[in-house]
PDB file of N, CA and C in Angstrom:
ATOM      1  N   MET A   1      26.975  62.674 -12.627  1.00  0.00           N
ATOM      2  CA  MET A   1      26.000  63.684 -12.271  1.00  0.00           C
ATOM      3  C   MET A   1      25.444  64.320 -13.544  1.00  0.00           C
ATOM      4  N   LYS A   2      24.148  64.418 -13.616  1.00  0.00           N
ATOM      5  CA  LYS A   2      23.491  64.957 -14.803  1.00  0.00           C
ATOM      6  C   LYS A   2      23.540  66.482 -14.793  1.00  0.00           C
ATOM      7  N   ARG A   3      23.823  67.048 -15.975  1.00  0.00           N
ATOM      8  CA  ARG A   3      23.857  68.502 -16.129  1.00  0.00           C
ATOM      9  C   ARG A   3      22.447  69.054 -16.058  1.00  0.00           C
ATOM     10  N   PRO A   4      22.287  70.254 -15.457  1.00  0.00           N
ATOM     11  CA  PRO A   4      20.957  70.859 -15.444  1.00  0.00           C
ATOM     12  C   PRO A   4      20.514  71.225 -16.864  1.00  0.00           C
ATOM     13  N   THR A   5      19.248  71.096 -17.113  1.00  0.00           N
ATOM     14  CA  THR A   5      18.701  71.420 -18.425  1.00  0.00           C
ATOM     15  C   THR A   5      18.640  72.928 -18.600  1.00  0.00           C
ATOM     16  N   ALA A   6      19.149  73.409 -19.723  1.00  0.00           N
ATOM     17  CA  ALA A   6      19.109  74.845 -20.009  1.00  0.00           C
ATOM     18  C   ALA A   6      17.687  75.250 -20.372  1.00  0.00           C
ATOM     19  N   ARG A   7      17.295  76.388 -19.887  1.00  0.00           N
ATOM     20  CA  ARG A   7      15.987  76.934 -20.256  1.00  0.00           C
ATOM     21  C   ARG A   7      16.219  78.054 -21.257  1.00  0.00           C
ATOM     22  N   HIS A   8      15.507  77.985 -22.345  1.00  0.00           N
ATOM     23  CA  HIS A   8      15.683  78.976 -23.408  1.00  0.00           C
ATOM     24  C   HIS A   8      14.450  79.854 -23.494  1.00  0.00           C
ATOM     25  N   SER A   9      14.683  81.119 -23.803  1.00  0.00           N
ATOM     26  CA  SER A   9      13.584  82.067 -23.940  1.00  0.00           C
ATOM     27  C   SER A   9      12.756  81.708 -25.178  1.00  0.00           C
ATOM     28  N   PRO A  10      11.509  82.158 -25.214  1.00  0.00           N
ATOM     29  CA  PRO A  10      10.689  81.921 -26.412  1.00  0.00           C
ATOM     30  C   PRO A  10      11.331  82.493 -27.674  1.00  0.00           C
ATOM     31  N   GLU A  11      12.029  83.624 -27.534  1.00  0.00           N
ATOM     32  CA  GLU A  11      12.699  84.232 -28.692  1.00  0.00           C
ATOM     33  C   GLU A  11      13.812  83.326 -29.215  1.00  0.00           C
ATOM     34  N   THR A  12      14.561  82.725 -28.303  1.00  0.00           N
ATOM     35  CA  THR A  12      15.636  81.818 -28.705  1.00  0.00           C
ATOM     36  C   THR A  12      15.061  80.582 -29.375  1.00  0.00           C
ATOM     37  N   LEU A  13      14.015  80.025 -28.804  1.00  0.00           N
ATOM     38  CA  LEU A  13      13.388  78.838 -29.389  1.00  0.00           C
ATOM     39  C   LEU A  13      12.840  79.133 -30.782  1.00  0.00           C
ATOM     40  N   SER A  14      12.231  80.290 -30.932  1.00  0.00           N
ATOM     41  CA  SER A  14      11.712  80.686 -32.243  1.00  0.00           C
ATOM     42  C   SER A  14      12.851  80.847 -33.245  1.00  0.00           C
ATOM     43  N   ALA A  15      13.940  81.483 -32.811  1.00  0.00           N
ATOM     44  CA  ALA A  15      15.084  81.697 -33.702  1.00  0.00           C
ATOM     45  C   ALA A  15      15.721  80.375 -34.118  1.00  0.00           C
ATOM     46  N   THR A  16      15.846  79.422 -33.187  1.00  0.00           N
ATOM     47  CA  THR A  16      16.450  78.136 -33.556  1.00  0.00           C
ATOM     48  C   THR A  16      15.565  77.385 -34.535  1.00  0.00           C
ATOM     49  N   GLN A  17      14.250  77.518 -34.386  1.00  0.00           N
ATOM     50  CA  GLN A  17      13.351  76.864 -35.343  1.00  0.00           C
ATOM     51  C   GLN A  17      13.441  77.516 -36.716  1.00  0.00           C
ATOM     52  N   LEU A  18      13.519  78.837 -36.754  1.00  0.00           N
ATOM     53  CA  LEU A  18      13.665  79.538 -38.037  1.00  0.00           C
ATOM     54  C   LEU A  18      14.991  79.188 -38.711  1.00  0.00           C
ATOM     55  N   LEU A  19      16.075  79.151 -37.918  1.00  0.00           N
ATOM     56  CA  LEU A  19      17.379  78.770 -38.471  1.00  0.00           C
ATOM     57  C   LEU A  19      17.343  77.340 -39.004  1.00  0.00           C
ATOM     58  N   GLY A  20      16.750  76.450 -38.234  1.00  0.00           N
ATOM     59  CA  GLY A  20      16.653  75.053 -38.658  1.00  0.00           C
ATOM     60  C   GLY A  20      15.884  74.905 -39.954  1.00  0.00           C
ATOM     61  N   SER A  21      14.778  75.606 -40.041  1.00  0.00           N
ATOM     62  CA  SER A  21      13.960  75.564 -41.252  1.00  0.00           C
ATOM     63  C   SER A  21      14.716  76.133 -42.452  1.00  0.00           C
ATOM     64  N   ALA A  22      15.438  77.220 -42.222  1.00  0.00           N
ATOM     65  CA  ALA A  22      16.220  77.830 -43.306  1.00  0.00           C
ATOM     66  C   ALA A  22      17.339  76.897 -43.767  1.00  0.00           C
ATOM     67  N   LEU A  23      18.000  76.229 -42.818  1.00  0.00           N
ATOM     68  CA  LEU A  23      19.059  75.286 -43.187  1.00  0.00           C
ATOM     69  C   LEU A  23      18.489  74.104 -43.963  1.00  0.00           C
ATOM     70  N   ARG A  24      17.309  73.634 -43.551  1.00  0.00           N
ATOM     71  CA  ARG A  24      16.658  72.535 -44.262  1.00  0.00           C
ATOM     72  C   ARG A  24      16.365  72.946 -45.707  1.00  0.00           C
ATOM     73  N   SER A  25      15.819  74.151 -45.869  1.00  0.00           N
ATOM     74  CA  SER A  25      15.512  74.644 -47.221  1.00  0.00           C
ATOM     75  C   SER A  25      16.782  74.769 -48.062  1.00  0.00           C
ATOM     76  N   ALA A  26      17.852  75.268 -47.456  1.00  0.00           N
ATOM     77  CA  ALA A  26      19.129  75.410 -48.180  1.00  0.00           C
ATOM     78  C   ALA A  26      19.648  74.037 -48.609  1.00  0.00           C
ATOM     79  N   ARG A  27      19.517  73.053 -47.730  1.00  0.00           N
ATOM     80  CA  ARG A  27      19.966  71.697 -48.061  1.00  0.00           C
ATOM     81  C   ARG A  27      19.149  71.120 -49.203  1.00  0.00           C
ATOM     82  N   ILE A  28      17.850  71.290 -49.147  1.00  0.00           N
ATOM     83  CA  ILE A  28      16.958  70.748 -50.183  1.00  0.00           C
ATOM     84  C   ILE A  28      17.220  71.434 -51.525  1.00  0.00           C
ATOM     85  N   ARG A  29      17.440  72.747 -51.517  1.00  0.00           N
ATOM     86  CA  ARG A  29      17.742  73.462 -52.762  1.00  0.00           C
ATOM     87  C   ARG A  29      19.018  72.926 -53.415  1.00  0.00           C
ATOM     88  N   ARG A  30      19.935  72.432 -52.592  1.00  0.00           N
ATOM     89  CA  ARG A  30      21.184  71.867 -53.114  1.00  0.00           C
ATOM     90  C   ARG A  30      21.041  70.387 -53.466  1.00  0.00           C
ATOM     91  N   ARG A  31      19.843  69.862 -53.257  1.00  0.00           N
ATOM     92  CA  ARG A  31      19.511  68.464 -53.580  1.00  0.00           C
ATOM     93  C   ARG A  31      20.452  67.467 -52.909  1.00  0.00           C
ATOM     94  N   ILE A  32      20.681  67.711 -51.605  1.00  0.00           N
ATOM     95  CA  ILE A  32      21.459  66.742 -50.853  1.00  0.00           C
ATOM     96  C   ILE A  32      20.616  66.243 -49.675  1.00  0.00           C
ATOM     97  N   THR A  33      20.853  65.013 -49.283  1.00  0.00           N
ATOM     98  CA  THR A  33      20.095  64.408 -48.191  1.00  0.00           C
ATOM     99  C   THR A  33      20.721  64.803 -46.854  1.00  0.00           C
ATOM    100  N   GLN A  34      19.964  64.539 -45.784  1.00  0.00           N
ATOM    101  CA  GLN A  34      20.509  64.769 -44.450  1.00  0.00           C
ATOM    102  C   GLN A  34      21.764  63.924 -44.240  1.00  0.00           C
ATOM    103  N   GLN A  35      21.733  62.705 -44.737  1.00  0.00           N
ATOM    104  CA  GLN A  35      22.891  61.816 -44.586  1.00  0.00           C
ATOM    105  C   GLN A  35      24.118  62.388 -45.301  1.00  0.00           C
ATOM    106  N   GLN A  36      23.912  62.875 -46.532  1.00  0.00           N
ATOM    107  CA  GLN A  36      25.023  63.456 -47.287  1.00  0.00           C
ATOM    108  C   GLN A  36      25.582  64.697 -46.591  1.00  0.00           C
ATOM    109  N   LEU A  37      24.692  65.554 -46.103  1.00  0.00           N
ATOM    110  CA  LEU A  37      25.134  66.751 -45.387  1.00  0.00           C
ATOM    111  C   LEU A  37      25.896  66.355 -44.125  1.00  0.00           C
ATOM    112  N   GLY A  38      25.368  65.386 -43.409  1.00  0.00           N
ATOM    113  CA  GLY A  38      26.043  64.916 -42.212  1.00  0.00           C
ATOM    114  C   GLY A  38      27.423  64.356 -42.508  1.00  0.00           C
ATOM    115  N   ASP A  39      27.518  63.560 -43.565  1.00  0.00           N
ATOM    116  CA  ASP A  39      28.818  62.990 -43.953  1.00  0.00           C
ATOM    117  C   ASP A  39      29.820  64.092 -44.276  1.00  0.00           C
ATOM    118  N   ARG A  40      29.379  65.103 -45.010  1.00  0.00           N
ATOM    119  CA  ARG A  40      30.277  66.196 -45.404  1.00  0.00           C
ATOM    120  C   ARG A  40      30.689  67.058 -44.214  1.00  0.00           C
ATOM    121  N   ALA A  41      29.780  67.165 -43.227  1.00  0.00           N
ATOM    122  CA  ALA A  41      30.063  67.995 -42.048  1.00  0.00           C
ATOM    123  C   ALA A  41      30.696  67.196 -40.913  1.00  0.00           C
ATOM    124  N   GLY A  42      30.807  65.882 -41.097  1.00  0.00           N
ATOM    125  CA  GLY A  42      31.358  65.042 -40.041  1.00  0.00           C
ATOM    126  C   GLY A  42      30.385  64.825 -38.904  1.00  0.00           C
ATOM    127  N   LEU A  43      29.097  64.847 -39.212  1.00  0.00           N
ATOM    128  CA  LEU A  43      28.040  64.696 -38.213  1.00  0.00           C
ATOM    129  C   LEU A  43      27.108  63.565 -38.619  1.00  0.00           C
ATOM    130  N   GLY A  44      26.324  63.092 -37.664  1.00  0.00           N
ATOM    131  CA  GLY A  44      25.363  62.054 -37.959  1.00  0.00           C
ATOM    132  C   GLY A  44      24.072  62.613 -38.537  1.00  0.00           C
ATOM    133  N   LYS A  45      23.330  61.752 -39.219  1.00  0.00           N
ATOM    134  CA  LYS A  45      22.040  62.149 -39.793  1.00  0.00           C
ATOM    135  C   LYS A  45      21.096  62.644 -38.692  1.00  0.00           C
ATOM    136  N   GLN A  46      21.157  62.008 -37.526  1.00  0.00           N
ATOM    137  CA  GLN A  46      20.290  62.399 -36.420  1.00  0.00           C
ATOM    138  C   GLN A  46      20.602  63.834 -35.958  1.00  0.00           C
ATOM    139  N   THR A  47      21.863  64.191 -35.934  1.00  0.00           N
ATOM    140  CA  THR A  47      22.254  65.549 -35.542  1.00  0.00           C
ATOM    141  C   THR A  47      21.744  66.564 -36.552  1.00  0.00           C
ATOM    142  N   ILE A  48      21.828  66.226 -37.834  1.00  0.00           N
ATOM    143  CA  ILE A  48      21.303  67.128 -38.873  1.00  0.00           C
ATOM    144  C   ILE A  48      19.790  67.283 -38.689  1.00  0.00           C
ATOM    145  N   GLY A  49      19.106  66.205 -38.411  1.00  0.00           N
ATOM    146  CA  GLY A  49      17.663  66.265 -38.172  1.00  0.00           C
ATOM    147  C   GLY A  49      17.316  67.142 -36.984  1.00  0.00           C
ATOM    148  N   ARG A  50      18.088  67.015 -35.915  1.00  0.00           N
ATOM    149  CA  ARG A  50      17.854  67.852 -34.731  1.00  0.00           C
ATOM    150  C   ARG A  50      18.117  69.320 -35.042  1.00  0.00           C
ATOM    151  N   LEU A  51      19.155  69.577 -35.813  1.00  0.00           N
ATOM    152  CA  LEU A  51      19.476  70.947 -36.207  1.00  0.00           C
ATOM    153  C   LEU A  51      18.345  71.547 -37.031  1.00  0.00           C
ATOM    154  N   GLU A  52      17.880  70.791 -38.008  1.00  0.00           N
ATOM    155  CA  GLU A  52      16.799  71.274 -38.874  1.00  0.00           C
ATOM    156  C   GLU A  52      15.480  71.426 -38.126  1.00  0.00           C
ATOM    157  N   ALA A  53      15.310  70.675 -37.039  1.00  0.00           N
ATOM    158  CA  ALA A  53      14.092  70.768 -36.231  1.00  0.00           C
ATOM    159  C   ALA A  53      14.144  71.947 -35.260  1.00  0.00           C
ATOM    160  N   GLY A  54      15.313  72.598 -35.181  1.00  0.00           N
ATOM    161  CA  GLY A  54      15.442  73.757 -34.307  1.00  0.00           C
ATOM    162  C   GLY A  54      15.804  73.414 -32.878  1.00  0.00           C
ATOM    163  N   ASP A  55      16.440  72.277 -32.662  1.00  0.00           N
ATOM    164  CA  ASP A  55      16.862  71.877 -31.314  1.00  0.00           C
ATOM    165  C   ASP A  55      17.906  72.871 -30.803  1.00  0.00           C
ATOM    166  N   PRO A  56      17.619  73.601 -29.715  1.00  0.00           N
ATOM    167  CA  PRO A  56      18.568  74.588 -29.215  1.00  0.00           C
ATOM    168  C   PRO A  56      19.779  73.962 -28.526  1.00  0.00           C
ATOM    169  N   GLY A  57      19.763  72.649 -28.339  1.00  0.00           N
ATOM    170  CA  GLY A  57      20.867  71.981 -27.675  1.00  0.00           C
ATOM    171  C   GLY A  57      21.996  71.567 -28.605  1.00  0.00           C
ATOM    172  N   ILE A  58      21.867  71.835 -29.892  1.00  0.00           N
ATOM    173  CA  ILE A  58      22.925  71.491 -30.850  1.00  0.00           C
ATOM    174  C   ILE A  58      24.144  72.369 -30.584  1.00  0.00           C
ATOM    175  N   ALA A  59      25.312  71.767 -30.594  1.00  0.00           N
ATOM    176  CA  ALA A  59      26.549  72.514 -30.338  1.00  0.00           C
ATOM    177  C   ALA A  59      26.789  73.563 -31.424  1.00  0.00           C
ATOM    178  N   LEU A  60      27.299  74.700 -31.003  1.00  0.00           N
ATOM    179  CA  LEU A  60      27.596  75.791 -31.934  1.00  0.00           C
ATOM    180  C   LEU A  60      28.564  75.332 -33.021  1.00  0.00           C
ATOM    181  N   GLY A  61      29.550  74.537 -32.654  1.00  0.00           N
ATOM    182  CA  GLY A  61      30.507  74.032 -33.630  1.00  0.00           C
ATOM    183  C   GLY A  61      29.842  73.205 -34.712  1.00  0.00           C
ATOM    184  N   ASN A  62      28.846  72.413 -34.336  1.00  0.00           N
ATOM    185  CA  ASN A  62      28.117  71.609 -35.326  1.00  0.00           C
ATOM    186  C   ASN A  62      27.332  72.502 -36.277  1.00  0.00           C
ATOM    187  N   PHE A  63      26.705  73.531 -35.732  1.00  0.00           N
ATOM    188  CA  PHE A  63      25.958  74.482 -36.556  1.00  0.00           C
ATOM    189  C   PHE A  63      26.893  75.153 -37.567  1.00  0.00           C
ATOM    190  N   LEU A  64      28.052  75.608 -37.085  1.00  0.00           N
ATOM    191  CA  LEU A  64      29.003  76.285 -37.975  1.00  0.00           C
ATOM    192  C   LEU A  64      29.568  75.333 -39.026  1.00  0.00           C
ATOM    193  N   GLU A  65      29.764  74.084 -38.661  1.00  0.00           N
ATOM    194  CA  GLU A  65      30.271  73.098 -39.617  1.00  0.00           C
ATOM    195  C   GLU A  65      29.269  72.906 -40.756  1.00  0.00           C
ATOM    196  N   VAL A  66      27.979  72.866 -40.424  1.00  0.00           N
ATOM    197  CA  VAL A  66      26.937  72.734 -41.449  1.00  0.00           C
ATOM    198  C   VAL A  66      26.918  73.964 -42.343  1.00  0.00           C
ATOM    199  N   LEU A  67      27.066  75.153 -41.756  1.00  0.00           N
ATOM    200  CA  LEU A  67      27.129  76.380 -42.565  1.00  0.00           C
ATOM    201  C   LEU A  67      28.285  76.301 -43.551  1.00  0.00           C
ATOM    202  N   GLN A  68      29.441  75.834 -43.085  1.00  0.00           N
ATOM    203  CA  GLN A  68      30.618  75.721 -43.955  1.00  0.00           C
ATOM    204  C   GLN A  68      30.342  74.806 -45.140  1.00  0.00           C
ATOM    205  N   VAL A  69      29.641  73.717 -44.886  1.00  0.00           N
ATOM    206  CA  VAL A  69      29.354  72.755 -45.959  1.00  0.00           C
ATOM    207  C   VAL A  69      28.350  73.342 -46.946  1.00  0.00           C
ATOM    208  N   LEU A  70      27.309  73.988 -46.438  1.00  0.00           N
ATOM    209  CA  LEU A  70      26.272  74.505 -47.332  1.00  0.00           C
ATOM    210  C   LEU A  70      26.757  75.701 -48.151  1.00  0.00           C
ATOM    211  N   GLU A  71      27.436  76.616 -47.496  1.00  0.00           N
ATOM    212  CA  GLU A  71      27.875  77.837 -48.187  1.00  0.00           C
ATOM    213  C   GLU A  71      28.990  78.467 -47.361  1.00  0.00           C
ATOM    214  N   ARG A  72      30.218  78.230 -47.744  1.00  0.00           N
ATOM    215  CA  ARG A  72      31.389  78.645 -46.955  1.00  0.00           C
ATOM    216  C   ARG A  72      31.358  80.107 -46.508  1.00  0.00           C
ATOM    217  N   PRO A  73      30.975  81.081 -47.344  1.00  0.00           N
ATOM    218  CA  PRO A  73      30.992  82.485 -46.907  1.00  0.00           C
ATOM    219  C   PRO A  73      30.015  82.805 -45.764  1.00  0.00           C
ATOM    220  N   TRP A  74      29.001  81.972 -45.559  1.00  0.00           N
ATOM    221  CA  TRP A  74      28.022  82.273 -44.510  1.00  0.00           C
ATOM    222  C   TRP A  74      28.673  82.402 -43.149  1.00  0.00           C
ATOM    223  N   THR A  75      29.656  81.574 -42.855  1.00  0.00           N
ATOM    224  CA  THR A  75      30.300  81.628 -41.546  1.00  0.00           C
ATOM    225  C   THR A  75      31.016  82.958 -41.361  1.00  0.00           C
ATOM    226  N   SER A  76      31.781  83.378 -42.350  1.00  0.00           N
ATOM    227  CA  SER A  76      32.488  84.657 -42.223  1.00  0.00           C
ATOM    228  C   SER A  76      31.504  85.823 -42.227  1.00  0.00           C
ATOM    229  N   ASP A  77      30.398  85.704 -42.960  1.00  0.00           N
ATOM    230  CA  ASP A  77      29.370  86.755 -42.946  1.00  0.00           C
ATOM    231  C   ASP A  77      28.765  86.904 -41.548  1.00  0.00           C
ATOM    232  N   LEU A  78      28.528  85.777 -40.891  1.00  0.00           N
ATOM    233  CA  LEU A  78      27.970  85.786 -39.543  1.00  0.00           C
ATOM    234  C   LEU A  78      28.941  86.454 -38.569  1.00  0.00           C
ATOM    235  N   VAL A  79      30.206  86.089 -38.635  1.00  0.00           N
ATOM    236  CA  VAL A  79      31.217  86.689 -37.763  1.00  0.00           C
ATOM    237  C   VAL A  79      31.319  88.190 -38.033  1.00  0.00           C
ATOM    238  N   GLU A  80      31.321  88.575 -39.294  1.00  0.00           N
ATOM    239  CA  GLU A  80      31.418  89.989 -39.668  1.00  0.00           C
ATOM    240  C   GLU A  80      30.231  90.783 -39.123  1.00  0.00           C
ATOM    241  N   MET A  81      29.029  90.207 -39.195  1.00  0.00           N
ATOM    242  CA  MET A  81      27.839  90.880 -38.699  1.00  0.00           C
ATOM    243  C   MET A  81      27.942  91.114 -37.191  1.00  0.00           C
ATOM    244  N   ILE A  82      28.437  90.121 -36.459  1.00  0.00           N
ATOM    245  CA  ILE A  82      28.560  90.256 -35.014  1.00  0.00           C
ATOM    246  C   ILE A  82      29.655  91.258 -34.661  1.00  0.00           C
ATOM    247  N   GLU A  83      30.752  91.224 -35.391  1.00  0.00           N
ATOM    248  CA  GLU A  83      31.836  92.182 -35.140  1.00  0.00           C
ATOM    249  C   GLU A  83      31.397  93.611 -35.433  1.00  0.00           C
ATOM    250  N   ASP A  84      30.529  93.800 -36.423  1.00  0.00           N
ATOM    251  CA  ASP A  84      30.048  95.128 -36.795  1.00  0.00           C
ATOM    252  C   ASP A  84      29.323  95.766 -35.608  1.00  0.00           C
ATOM    253  N   ASP A  85      28.446  95.042 -34.960  1.00  0.00           N
ATOM    254  CA  ASP A  85      27.771  95.425 -33.713  1.00  0.00           C
ATOM    255  C   ASP A  85      27.439  96.910 -33.635  1.00  0.00           C
ATOM    256  N   ARG A  86      26.609  97.384 -34.518  1.00  0.00           N
ATOM    257  CA  ARG A  86      26.266  98.812 -34.584  1.00  0.00           C
ATOM    258  C   ARG A  86      25.679  99.334 -33.274  1.00  0.00           C
ATOM    259  N   ARG A  87      24.770  98.571 -32.683  1.00  0.00           N
ATOM    260  CA  ARG A  87      24.150  99.015 -31.426  1.00  0.00           C
ATOM    261  C   ARG A  87      25.196  99.116 -30.312  1.00  0.00           C
ATOM    262  N   GLY A  88      26.054  98.133 -30.213  1.00  0.00           N
ATOM    263  CA  GLY A  88      27.096  98.162 -29.187  1.00  0.00           C
ATOM    264  C   GLY A  88      28.047  99.323 -29.362  1.00  0.00           C
ATOM    265  N   ARG A  89      28.396  99.596 -30.603  1.00  0.00           N
ATOM    266  CA  ARG A  89      29.302 100.720 -30.869  1.00  0.00           C
ATOM    267  C   ARG A  89      28.635 102.055 -30.525  1.00  0.00           C
ATOM    268  N   ALA A  90      27.340 102.174 -30.809  1.00  0.00           N
ATOM    269  CA  ALA A  90      26.619 103.405 -30.465  1.00  0.00           C
ATOM    270  C   ALA A  90      26.581 103.588 -28.947  1.00  0.00           C
ATOM    271  N   LEU A  91      26.352 102.511 -28.214  1.00  0.00           N
ATOM    272  CA  LEU A  91      26.352 102.593 -26.752  1.00  0.00           C
ATOM    273  C   LEU A  91      27.730 102.965 -26.224  1.00  0.00           C
ATOM    274  N   GLU A  92      28.758 102.422 -26.847  1.00  0.00           N
ATOM    275  CA  GLU A  92      30.123 102.717 -26.443  1.00  0.00           C
ATOM    276  C   GLU A  92      30.431 104.204 -26.627  1.00  0.00           C
ATOM    277  N   ILE A  93      30.005 104.778 -27.736  1.00  0.00           N
ATOM    278  CA  ILE A  93      30.239 106.195 -28.023  1.00  0.00           C
ATOM    279  C   ILE A  93      29.503 107.072 -27.011  1.00  0.00           C
ATOM    280  N   GLN A  94      28.279 106.665 -26.630  1.00  0.00           N
ATOM    281  CA  GLN A  94      27.508 107.437 -25.645  1.00  0.00           C
ATOM    282  C   GLN A  94      28.222 107.493 -24.295  1.00  0.00           C
ATOM    283  N   ARG A  95      28.946 106.431 -23.950  1.00  0.00           N
ATOM    284  CA  ARG A  95      29.615 106.370 -22.645  1.00  0.00           C
ATOM    285  C   ARG A  95      30.974 107.052 -22.630  1.00  0.00           C
ATOM    286  N   LEU A  96      31.486 107.446 -23.792  1.00  0.00           N
ATOM    287  CA  LEU A  96      32.787 108.106 -23.827  1.00  0.00           C
ATOM    288  C   LEU A  96      32.679 109.482 -23.181  1.00  0.00           C
ATOM    289  N   PRO A  97      33.684 109.865 -22.408  1.00  0.00           N
ATOM    290  CA  PRO A  97      33.616 111.195 -21.779  1.00  0.00           C
ATOM    291  C   PRO A  97      33.773 112.284 -22.827  1.00  0.00           C
ATOM    292  N   SER A  98      33.144 113.402 -22.538  1.00  0.00           N
ATOM    293  CA  SER A  98      33.309 114.561 -23.420  1.00  0.00           C
ATOM    294  C   SER A  98      34.722 115.095 -23.238  1.00  0.00           C
ATOM    295  N   ARG A  99      35.248 115.682 -24.282  1.00  0.00           N
ATOM    296  CA  ARG A  99      36.599 116.242 -24.203  1.00  0.00           C
ATOM    297  C   ARG A  99      36.560 117.454 -23.275  1.00  0.00           C
ATOM    298  N   VAL A 100      37.502 117.491 -22.361  1.00  0.00           N
ATOM    299  CA  VAL A 100      37.597 118.592 -21.416  1.00  0.00           C
ATOM    300  C   VAL A 100      38.655 119.571 -21.934  1.00  0.00           C
ATOM    301  N   VAL A 101      38.275 120.826 -22.074  1.00  0.00           N
ATOM    302  CA  VAL A 101      39.194 121.842 -22.563  1.00  0.00           C
ATOM    303  C   VAL A 101      39.441 122.847 -21.422  1.00  0.00           C
ATOM    304  N   SER A 102      40.691 123.150 -21.182  1.00  0.00           N
ATOM    305  CA  SER A 102      41.061 124.080 -20.139  1.00  0.00           C
ATOM    306  C   SER A 102      40.688 125.506 -20.535  1.00  0.00           C
ATOM    307  N   ASP A 103      40.242 126.303 -19.572  1.00  0.00           N
ATOM    308  CA  ASP A 103      39.896 127.692 -19.835  1.00  0.00           C
ATOM    309  C   ASP A 103      41.131 128.579 -19.919  1.00  0.00           C
ATOM    310  N   ASP A 104      42.312 128.044 -19.642  1.00  0.00           N
ATOM    311  CA  ASP A 104      43.542 128.835 -19.629  1.00  0.00           C
ATOM    312  C   ASP A 104      44.023 129.193 -21.043  1.00  0.00           C
ATOM    313  N   PHE A 105      43.478 128.631 -22.053  1.00  0.00           N
ATOM    314  CA  PHE A 105      43.965 128.903 -23.416  1.00  0.00           C
ATOM    315  C   PHE A 105      43.417 130.149 -23.963  1.00  0.00           C
TER     316      PHE A 105
END
């Protein structure tokens, strides 16, 4: 049975294309070919091409593996940015109850 095709928002499609383009530029600056990057990441040249083209169907693990090969700290920087989650923390603080103080004191 064939899996249903995921539909991605225009924002997601734009972001995957920007990420792909940025990864392509990073690879070229390091003067390595798609084949070399694929070999180092344990992926095929075709997968690297799809990633660089902004294909939203590329597995997250493959994307992270390429980040590790290009620049190891990028993966931890990405995780740190998501963990920081400033907007989420601000929303969490807004939902916290106010401290209740008894009038008996």
